[in-house]
Protein backbone atom coordinates (compact mmCIF):
# COMPACT_ATOMS: atom_id res chain seq x y z
CA MET A 1 71.30 47.37 28.98
CA SER A 2 70.61 44.51 31.12
CA ILE A 3 67.85 42.10 30.53
CA GLN A 4 66.86 42.74 34.22
CA LEU A 5 65.24 46.19 33.01
CA PHE A 6 62.13 43.75 31.68
CA SER A 7 61.66 42.11 34.99
CA LEU A 8 58.60 42.56 37.12
CA ALA A 9 60.17 41.32 40.53
CA GLY A 10 58.98 43.13 42.92
CA LYS A 11 56.15 44.71 41.56
CA THR A 12 52.11 44.56 41.96
CA ALA A 13 49.98 44.82 38.87
CA ILE A 14 46.45 44.43 38.30
CA VAL A 15 44.89 43.55 35.02
CA THR A 16 41.20 44.40 34.23
CA GLY A 17 39.51 41.97 32.32
CA SER A 18 42.01 39.08 32.91
CA GLY A 19 39.52 36.42 33.28
CA ARG A 20 40.02 35.10 29.78
CA GLY A 21 41.28 35.93 26.32
CA LEU A 22 44.06 38.98 26.00
CA GLY A 23 43.72 40.02 29.43
CA ARG A 24 44.39 36.16 31.05
CA ALA A 25 47.28 35.82 28.60
CA ILE A 26 48.87 39.53 29.74
CA ALA A 27 48.51 38.53 33.76
CA LYS A 28 50.13 35.32 33.10
CA GLY A 29 53.13 36.56 31.33
CA MET A 30 53.46 39.58 33.68
CA ALA A 31 53.12 36.90 36.67
CA ALA A 32 56.04 34.92 34.61
CA ALA A 33 58.16 38.12 34.57
CA GLY A 34 58.15 38.27 38.36
CA ALA A 35 54.88 40.39 39.60
CA ALA A 36 52.59 39.77 41.83
CA LEU A 37 48.98 39.86 40.00
CA VAL A 38 45.41 40.82 41.00
CA THR A 39 43.42 39.21 38.26
CA CYS A 40 39.79 40.95 37.86
CA ALA A 41 36.59 39.89 35.63
CA ARG A 42 32.96 40.76 36.59
CA THR A 43 32.60 37.16 37.12
CA GLY A 44 34.37 36.09 39.96
CA SER A 45 34.81 32.50 39.17
CA GLU A 46 36.69 33.87 35.85
CA ALA A 47 38.68 36.13 38.10
CA GLU A 48 39.77 33.38 40.39
CA SER A 49 40.47 30.61 37.35
CA ALA A 50 43.05 32.96 36.27
CA ALA A 51 44.70 33.49 39.68
CA ALA A 52 44.67 29.95 40.16
CA GLU A 53 46.62 28.93 36.98
CA ILE A 54 49.12 31.87 38.02
CA ARG A 55 49.32 30.24 41.30
CA ALA A 56 49.85 26.74 40.18
CA ALA A 57 52.82 27.82 37.98
CA GLY A 58 54.63 29.28 40.94
CA GLY A 59 53.52 33.14 40.99
CA ARG A 60 51.27 34.94 43.29
CA ALA A 61 48.07 35.75 42.48
CA ILE A 62 44.41 36.68 44.16
CA GLY A 63 41.12 37.22 41.90
CA VAL A 64 39.07 40.06 42.42
CA ALA A 65 35.48 40.39 41.25
CA ALA A 66 35.03 43.98 39.90
CA ASP A 67 32.67 45.95 37.27
CA VAL A 68 35.34 48.45 36.18
CA ALA A 69 32.32 50.89 35.06
CA GLU A 70 31.88 51.43 38.71
CA PRO A 71 34.36 53.97 40.20
CA GLY A 72 33.65 52.52 43.55
CA GLN A 73 34.60 48.88 42.61
CA CYS A 74 37.97 50.28 41.18
CA ASP A 75 38.63 51.71 44.22
CA MET A 76 38.21 48.41 46.03
CA LEU A 77 40.23 46.59 43.19
CA VAL A 78 43.30 48.90 44.41
CA GLU A 79 42.58 48.36 47.94
CA ARG A 80 42.69 44.71 47.59
CA ALA A 81 46.25 44.70 45.75
CA VAL A 82 47.16 47.15 48.24
CA THR A 83 46.07 44.64 51.37
CA ALA A 84 47.15 41.40 49.55
CA PHE A 85 50.56 42.44 48.49
CA GLY A 86 51.48 45.89 50.31
CA ARG A 87 51.78 47.90 46.99
CA LEU A 88 50.74 48.59 43.57
CA ASP A 89 52.94 49.51 40.45
CA ILE A 90 51.33 48.42 37.46
CA MET A 91 47.61 49.20 36.66
CA HIS A 92 47.02 47.45 32.97
CA CYS A 93 43.49 48.64 31.78
CA ASN A 94 42.18 46.00 29.56
CA ALA A 95 38.24 44.96 30.07
CA SER A 96 36.49 45.94 26.83
CA ILE A 97 32.98 45.13 25.01
CA ASP A 98 31.67 45.94 22.07
CA ARG A 99 28.08 46.07 20.55
CA PRO A 100 28.81 45.54 16.31
CA GLN A 101 26.05 47.61 14.54
CA PRO A 102 25.89 49.60 11.26
CA ALA A 103 26.52 53.25 12.05
CA ASP A 104 23.26 54.26 10.89
CA GLN A 105 21.43 51.66 13.76
CA VAL A 106 23.84 52.61 16.75
CA ASP A 107 21.53 52.97 19.43
CA ARG A 108 21.58 55.28 22.80
CA ALA A 109 21.87 51.85 25.01
CA SER A 110 24.54 50.31 23.03
CA LEU A 111 26.52 53.04 22.73
CA GLU A 112 26.40 54.12 26.18
CA ALA A 113 27.32 50.54 27.43
CA VAL A 114 30.44 50.32 25.13
CA LEU A 115 31.71 53.78 26.49
CA ALA A 116 30.72 52.82 30.16
CA VAL A 117 33.43 50.04 30.11
CA ASN A 118 35.88 50.81 27.36
CA VAL A 119 36.14 54.61 28.30
CA GLY A 120 35.07 54.76 31.99
CA GLY A 121 36.11 51.83 33.24
CA TYR A 122 39.73 52.73 32.06
CA LEU A 123 39.44 56.12 33.36
CA TYR A 124 38.32 54.92 36.70
CA SER A 125 40.74 52.05 37.04
CA ALA A 126 43.67 54.81 36.10
CA GLN A 127 42.06 57.18 38.48
CA ALA A 128 42.46 54.78 41.51
CA ALA A 129 45.71 53.43 40.36
CA ALA A 130 47.16 57.12 40.60
CA ARG A 131 45.44 58.18 43.76
CA GLN A 132 47.50 55.10 45.60
CA MET A 133 50.56 55.28 43.47
CA ARG A 134 50.55 59.28 44.49
CA GLN A 135 50.02 58.85 47.97
CA LYS A 136 52.55 56.55 48.15
CA GLY A 137 55.20 58.75 46.31
CA THR A 138 56.35 55.45 44.35
CA GLY A 139 55.00 56.32 40.97
CA GLY A 140 54.09 53.48 38.33
CA ALA A 141 52.84 52.17 35.41
CA ILE A 142 49.37 52.62 33.68
CA VAL A 143 49.15 50.19 30.30
CA MET A 144 46.12 50.47 28.64
CA THR A 145 44.72 47.64 25.52
CA SER A 146 43.76 50.02 22.89
CA SER A 147 42.90 48.97 19.27
CA THR A 148 43.67 49.54 15.80
CA ALA A 149 40.22 50.79 15.29
CA SER A 150 41.47 53.99 17.00
CA LEU A 151 43.74 54.87 14.34
CA VAL A 152 41.73 53.44 10.95
CA ALA A 153 38.30 53.06 10.34
CA PHE A 154 36.43 49.59 10.91
CA PRO A 155 32.72 49.75 9.19
CA GLY A 156 30.36 47.94 11.33
CA ILE A 157 31.67 48.95 14.96
CA LEU A 158 31.63 52.53 15.19
CA SER A 159 30.84 52.36 19.10
CA TYR A 160 34.11 50.42 19.68
CA CYS A 161 35.91 52.59 17.40
CA ILE A 162 34.74 55.68 19.32
CA SER A 163 35.48 54.05 22.51
CA LYS A 164 39.38 53.19 21.43
CA GLY A 165 40.19 56.91 20.01
CA GLY A 166 38.74 58.13 23.41
CA VAL A 167 41.33 55.66 24.99
CA ASP A 168 44.04 57.10 22.72
CA LEU A 169 43.84 60.49 23.89
CA MET A 170 42.88 59.88 27.21
CA VAL A 171 46.54 57.80 27.49
CA LYS A 172 48.40 61.06 25.92
CA THR A 173 45.98 63.33 28.52
CA LEU A 174 46.79 61.07 31.54
CA ALA A 175 50.59 61.06 30.78
CA ALA A 176 51.04 65.02 30.24
CA GLU A 177 49.35 65.55 33.70
CA TRP A 178 50.91 62.72 35.75
CA ALA A 179 54.22 62.74 34.35
CA PRO A 180 55.48 64.81 37.33
CA HIS A 181 54.38 62.30 39.66
CA GLY A 182 56.48 59.74 38.22
CA ILE A 183 53.27 58.06 36.74
CA ARG A 184 53.71 56.59 33.01
CA VAL A 185 50.71 55.84 31.01
CA ASN A 186 51.16 54.44 27.59
CA ALA A 187 48.77 52.15 25.64
CA PHE A 188 49.25 49.27 22.61
CA ASN A 189 47.03 48.83 19.93
CA PRO A 190 46.02 45.14 18.87
CA GLY A 191 45.18 44.51 15.33
CA TYR A 192 42.82 41.44 14.38
CA MET A 193 43.34 38.59 16.98
CA GLU A 194 42.33 35.10 17.00
CA HIS A 195 40.80 35.76 20.29
CA ALA A 196 36.86 37.70 20.22
CA MET A 197 36.05 39.51 23.08
CA THR A 198 32.52 39.52 24.37
CA GLY A 199 29.90 40.77 22.58
CA THR A 200 32.09 40.37 19.01
CA GLU A 201 31.81 36.55 18.27
CA ALA A 202 29.23 36.45 15.72
CA TYR A 203 30.84 39.50 13.92
CA ASP A 204 34.45 38.23 14.38
CA GLN A 205 33.66 34.97 13.13
CA ASP A 206 32.16 36.14 9.81
CA PRO A 207 34.14 34.78 7.15
CA ALA A 208 34.18 37.90 5.02
CA VAL A 209 35.33 39.59 8.04
CA THR A 210 38.05 36.95 8.15
CA GLU A 211 39.52 37.17 4.87
CA GLN A 212 39.50 40.81 4.84
CA ALA A 213 41.44 40.94 8.17
CA ILE A 214 44.13 38.47 6.63
CA GLN A 215 44.06 40.18 3.47
CA GLN A 216 44.67 43.56 5.14
CA THR A 217 47.44 42.13 7.32
CA PRO A 218 50.62 42.04 5.78
CA MET A 219 51.75 39.27 7.65
CA ARG A 220 48.72 37.29 6.50
CA ARG A 221 47.12 36.09 9.86
CA ARG A 222 45.69 37.05 12.95
CA GLY A 223 47.45 37.59 16.19
CA ARG A 224 47.80 35.53 18.87
CA VAL A 225 47.17 36.51 22.43
CA GLU A 226 50.71 35.33 23.52
CA GLU A 227 51.95 37.84 21.11
CA LEU A 228 50.68 40.94 23.38
CA VAL A 229 52.52 39.67 26.42
CA GLY A 230 55.80 41.43 25.25
CA PRO A 231 54.45 44.65 24.69
CA ALA A 232 52.71 44.52 27.59
CA ILE A 233 55.85 43.63 29.67
CA PHE A 234 57.74 46.10 28.18
CA LEU A 235 55.25 49.24 28.75
CA ALA A 236 55.25 48.18 32.19
CA SER A 237 58.75 47.85 32.93
CA ASP A 238 61.52 50.05 33.67
CA ALA A 239 62.71 49.04 30.18
CA ALA A 240 60.31 51.83 29.09
CA SER A 241 61.29 53.94 32.17
CA PHE A 242 61.45 56.96 29.26
CA MET A 243 58.25 56.42 27.38
CA THR A 244 55.09 57.87 28.26
CA GLY A 245 52.10 59.06 26.16
CA VAL A 246 52.53 56.48 23.80
CA VAL A 247 50.12 54.60 21.61
CA MET A 248 51.73 51.75 19.94
CA PRO A 249 50.40 49.49 17.14
CA VAL A 250 50.74 45.62 17.53
CA ASP A 251 48.96 44.74 14.16
CA GLY A 252 51.09 42.72 12.24
CA GLY A 253 51.19 45.82 9.89
CA TRP A 254 48.06 46.45 9.44
CA CYS A 255 48.22 50.40 10.06
CA ALA A 256 51.31 50.47 8.03
CA ILE A 257 49.77 50.41 4.16
């Protein structure tokens, strides 16, 4: 097997939620693997900052402000990618939020906000990408950042767990429907990471949460954002050409025990 199977040279990728954290690291990693990147965040300055960092390293990138909870914004995102780079090969759905609450206090507004981004945003982004891939007849790869919260219970973040459980089944269903069109759909499921997503800062920095996370992770540490780059590139690349519908933990062994 040639190492070139892991190359993304000649491909165009969109990474949603790539203004900071996990998404920014993934976008930079894909650019280093040869892809042209569309970085995306709700804040235009964050999206452009990520794109500028890629360009400064010698890559090709544009930053686009988009709210993936709005289907029309996802269509716009794909259009911008095609206008800038002529094609779309990879959609990495990564933009996520959380509203930590005890289960008996989860309110409608918080639940709907989380589902709108973490489920709706993933679906609308995937749909927009798939329409373009089918229209061009090129196929492509859709990768989703899920979570181990879809696989095991995490008290205090029920809305997030529900949303990521939905992502895992979305991956399997889209994979089954779109495989005949050459579109692969896969996910990886990070465990506890050093980066805290929007809305989870207080929860994530709680010493009790940190201690529990370290004790329940066989590797006895949190993951670094850079450690998600390899899985992201693998699932997006030709090295995973016969993989679709896969949900892959990247969690330091959390789900192994």
